[in-house]
Amino acid sequence: MKINTVSIALIILAIAFSGCSTTNTTKASSNNQAIADRYHIGASDVLTINVWNRSNLDRSVTVRPDGKISFPLVGDIYVAGLQPTELQLALEEALRKYMKVIPGEVSVTVDEVHSYKVSVLGEVRAPGRFEFQTQVSILEALAQAGGLTEFATRDRILIIRNYLGNKEDIVFDYQKAAKLRGGSDPLMLLPGDVVLVP
């Protein structure tokens, strides 16, 4: 009887743990989807493009420094700044000139992210240019640079942004953000941003 009781207990524990892992997977998947929804393709990123039932068109491509990729029938297409779903729609539209394409037949997968680089300069402990795999907040970028030095002017941190042809200077108040302690959405950085800590 002892063996049967132990066996039953182990089965119950296994079921409980499998339920927990399913929940964690669901949360991770939804988090990854949220990241994917914000992600914009950039130079040096590696993409896999598949066309359903047309394996001769399937390709793994690297985005060139000029922001373009080459794809069969379509030729060169500018992809930098597009979200994967936007590129999917653009490729479907371009391929319709040569074949019948039903919405959803083209899929775009981001295999490697190399375009998300942010520079953190000035009064930080380890200034430099950092490459990230997902979108990051200014607080995460400052932490990657070792944090602020004791000489940093914390209420006038400058973000210099030149993204997709739009130039913008943003002033960030670190002291105010620290007081809020997650009470508001963090300021998210874009590829190519320069964070200057005076």
Protein backbone atom coordinates (compact mmCIF):
# COMPACT_ATOMS: atom_id res chain seq x y z
CA MET A 1 0.00 0.00 0.00
CA LYS A 2 2.87 2.39 0.73
CA ILE A 3 4.25 1.97 -2.79
CA ASN A 4 0.85 2.67 -4.36
CA THR A 5 0.38 5.79 -2.21
CA VAL A 6 3.82 7.11 -3.21
CA SER A 7 3.12 6.36 -6.88
CA ILE A 8 -0.19 8.21 -6.74
CA ALA A 9 1.47 11.17 -5.02
CA LEU A 10 4.16 11.30 -7.72
CA ILE A 11 1.54 11.23 -10.47
CA ILE A 12 -0.36 14.11 -8.81
CA LEU A 13 2.88 16.13 -8.50
CA ALA A 14 3.75 15.47 -12.15
CA ILE A 15 0.34 16.69 -13.28
CA ALA A 16 0.64 19.79 -11.09
CA PHE A 17 4.12 20.62 -12.44
CA SER A 18 3.04 20.06 -16.03
CA GLY A 19 0.20 22.52 -15.45
CA CYS A 20 2.66 25.07 -14.08
CA SER A 21 5.00 24.72 -17.02
CA THR A 22 2.11 25.24 -19.45
CA THR A 23 1.23 28.50 -17.67
CA ASN A 24 4.85 29.71 -17.79
CA THR A 25 5.11 28.85 -21.48
CA THR A 26 1.93 30.78 -22.20
CA LYS A 27 3.25 33.84 -20.34
CA ALA A 28 6.61 33.62 -22.13
CA SER A 29 4.87 33.28 -25.50
CA SER A 30 2.66 36.30 -24.89
CA ASN A 31 5.70 38.30 -23.73
CA ASN A 32 7.65 37.29 -26.87
CA GLN A 33 4.66 38.27 -29.01
CA ALA A 34 4.57 41.69 -27.35
CA ILE A 35 8.27 42.14 -28.15
CA ALA A 36 7.70 41.00 -31.74
CA ASP A 37 4.87 43.52 -32.13
CA ARG A 38 7.28 46.37 -31.24
CA TYR A 39 10.27 45.06 -33.20
CA HIS A 40 11.42 46.76 -36.38
CA ILE A 41 13.78 45.05 -38.82
CA GLY A 42 17.21 46.62 -39.19
CA ALA A 43 20.55 46.20 -40.94
CA SER A 44 22.42 42.92 -40.28
CA ASP A 45 19.30 41.14 -38.97
CA VAL A 46 18.87 37.60 -40.30
CA LEU A 47 15.41 36.68 -41.59
CA THR A 48 13.85 33.46 -42.85
CA ILE A 49 11.16 33.95 -45.48
CA ASN A 50 8.89 31.05 -46.45
CA VAL A 51 6.23 30.94 -49.14
CA TRP A 52 3.67 28.19 -48.53
CA ASN A 53 3.86 25.36 -51.03
CA ARG A 54 6.70 27.10 -52.93
CA SER A 55 9.86 25.78 -51.31
CA ASN A 56 11.94 27.04 -54.24
CA LEU A 57 11.27 30.59 -52.98
CA ASP A 58 12.18 29.94 -49.33
CA ARG A 59 15.21 31.95 -48.27
CA SER A 60 17.35 32.91 -45.29
CA VAL A 61 18.50 36.48 -45.89
CA THR A 62 20.61 39.07 -44.10
CA VAL A 63 19.50 42.69 -44.25
CA ARG A 64 22.18 44.67 -46.04
CA PRO A 65 23.65 47.94 -44.69
CA ASP A 66 21.45 49.84 -47.17
CA GLY A 67 18.38 48.33 -45.45
CA LYS A 68 17.44 46.09 -48.37
CA ILE A 69 17.18 42.36 -49.06
CA SER A 70 17.04 40.49 -52.36
CA PHE A 71 14.18 38.04 -52.94
CA PRO A 72 13.33 35.88 -55.99
CA LEU A 73 10.97 37.52 -58.52
CA VAL A 74 10.68 40.64 -56.35
CA GLY A 75 14.34 41.71 -56.57
CA ASP A 76 15.60 44.27 -54.06
CA ILE A 77 13.11 45.42 -51.45
CA TYR A 78 13.66 47.96 -48.65
CA VAL A 79 12.85 46.31 -45.32
CA ALA A 80 14.62 48.38 -42.62
CA GLY A 81 12.09 49.90 -40.26
CA LEU A 82 9.34 47.44 -41.14
CA GLN A 83 7.80 45.07 -38.64
CA PRO A 84 7.89 41.39 -39.70
CA THR A 85 4.13 41.43 -40.37
CA GLU A 86 4.53 44.53 -42.56
CA LEU A 87 7.27 42.83 -44.57
CA GLN A 88 5.06 39.77 -44.95
CA LEU A 89 2.27 41.92 -46.44
CA ALA A 90 4.73 43.79 -48.70
CA LEU A 91 6.14 40.52 -50.07
CA GLU A 92 2.67 39.08 -50.66
CA GLU A 93 1.73 42.21 -52.60
CA ALA A 94 4.93 42.13 -54.66
CA LEU A 95 4.61 38.40 -55.44
CA ARG A 96 0.99 38.82 -56.66
CA LYS A 97 2.41 40.33 -59.86
CA TYR A 98 3.88 36.92 -60.68
CA MET A 99 1.61 34.33 -59.02
CA LYS A 100 -1.55 33.82 -57.04
CA VAL A 101 -0.82 34.51 -53.39
CA ILE A 102 -3.41 34.10 -50.65
CA PRO A 103 -3.02 36.28 -47.52
CA GLY A 104 -0.94 34.41 -44.94
CA GLU A 105 1.02 32.31 -47.44
CA VAL A 106 4.22 34.28 -46.82
CA SER A 107 5.83 34.04 -43.39
CA VAL A 108 8.72 36.11 -42.07
CA THR A 109 10.73 34.88 -39.08
CA VAL A 110 13.47 36.90 -37.38
CA ASP A 111 16.28 34.43 -36.66
CA GLU A 112 18.94 36.83 -35.39
CA VAL A 113 18.76 40.46 -34.24
CA HIS A 114 21.95 42.45 -34.83
CA SER A 115 20.51 45.89 -35.54
CA TYR A 116 19.48 46.85 -32.02
CA LYS A 117 22.54 48.86 -30.95
CA VAL A 118 22.46 51.70 -28.44
CA SER A 119 25.35 53.94 -27.34
CA VAL A 120 25.61 55.09 -23.72
CA LEU A 121 28.19 57.84 -23.17
CA GLY A 122 29.27 60.35 -20.54
CA GLU A 123 29.08 59.90 -16.78
CA VAL A 124 28.49 56.14 -16.66
CA ARG A 125 30.89 53.54 -15.30
CA ALA A 126 31.30 51.56 -18.53
CA PRO A 127 30.46 53.73 -21.55
CA GLY A 128 30.17 52.06 -24.92
CA ARG A 129 27.97 50.74 -27.70
CA PHE A 130 25.74 47.87 -26.68
CA GLU A 131 23.86 45.33 -28.78
CA PHE A 132 20.52 44.06 -27.49
CA GLN A 133 18.29 41.24 -28.69
CA THR A 134 15.02 42.96 -27.75
CA GLN A 135 13.76 46.46 -27.12
CA VAL A 136 15.20 47.97 -23.93
CA SER A 137 14.33 50.86 -21.66
CA ILE A 138 16.75 53.66 -20.88
CA LEU A 139 17.08 52.28 -17.35
CA GLU A 140 18.17 48.89 -18.72
CA ALA A 141 20.69 50.55 -21.04
CA LEU A 142 22.13 52.61 -18.17
CA ALA A 143 22.43 49.44 -16.09
CA GLN A 144 24.24 47.73 -18.98
CA ALA A 145 26.70 50.63 -18.95
CA GLY A 146 27.43 50.03 -15.28
CA GLY A 147 25.12 52.70 -13.89
CA LEU A 148 25.66 56.41 -13.29
CA THR A 149 28.80 57.84 -11.69
CA GLU A 150 28.63 60.11 -8.67
CA PHE A 151 29.28 63.10 -10.98
CA ALA A 152 26.28 62.44 -13.27
CA THR A 153 23.63 65.12 -13.75
CA ARG A 154 20.67 62.82 -13.16
CA ASP A 155 17.82 65.10 -14.20
CA ARG A 156 19.13 66.08 -17.66
CA ILE A 157 20.12 62.85 -19.39
CA LEU A 158 19.84 63.36 -23.15
CA ILE A 159 18.66 60.79 -25.69
CA ILE A 160 19.77 61.72 -29.21
CA ARG A 161 17.53 59.91 -31.69
CA ASN A 162 17.78 59.69 -35.46
CA TYR A 163 15.42 56.88 -36.43
CA LEU A 164 13.98 56.32 -39.90
CA GLY A 165 14.94 59.87 -40.85
CA ASN A 166 13.26 61.47 -37.82
CA LYS A 167 15.63 63.48 -35.59
CA GLU A 168 14.68 64.10 -31.99
CA ASP A 169 16.33 65.07 -28.69
CA ILE A 170 14.65 63.73 -25.55
CA VAL A 171 15.50 64.84 -22.01
CA PHE A 172 15.17 62.11 -19.37
CA ASP A 173 14.94 62.75 -15.62
CA TYR A 174 16.51 59.76 -13.87
CA GLN A 175 15.67 61.08 -10.39
CA LYS A 176 11.97 61.38 -11.24
CA ALA A 177 11.91 57.88 -12.77
CA ALA A 178 13.64 56.43 -9.69
CA LYS A 179 11.04 58.01 -7.39
CA LEU A 180 8.16 56.53 -9.43
CA ARG A 181 9.68 53.02 -9.05
CA GLY A 182 7.84 51.45 -11.96
CA GLY A 183 4.71 53.56 -11.47
CA SER A 184 4.79 54.61 -15.14
CA ASP A 185 5.83 53.03 -18.41
CA PRO A 186 9.62 53.14 -18.86
CA LEU A 187 11.09 55.22 -21.66
CA MET A 188 11.97 52.70 -24.37
CA LEU A 189 14.99 53.16 -26.64
CA LEU A 190 15.15 52.63 -30.40
CA PRO A 191 18.01 51.23 -32.48
CA GLY A 192 20.75 53.82 -32.99
CA ASP A 193 19.79 55.93 -29.96
CA VAL A 194 22.64 57.70 -28.18
CA VAL A 195 22.21 58.20 -24.43
CA LEU A 196 24.40 61.06 -23.19
CA VAL A 197 24.78 61.45 -19.43
CA PRO A 198 26.25 64.91 -18.59
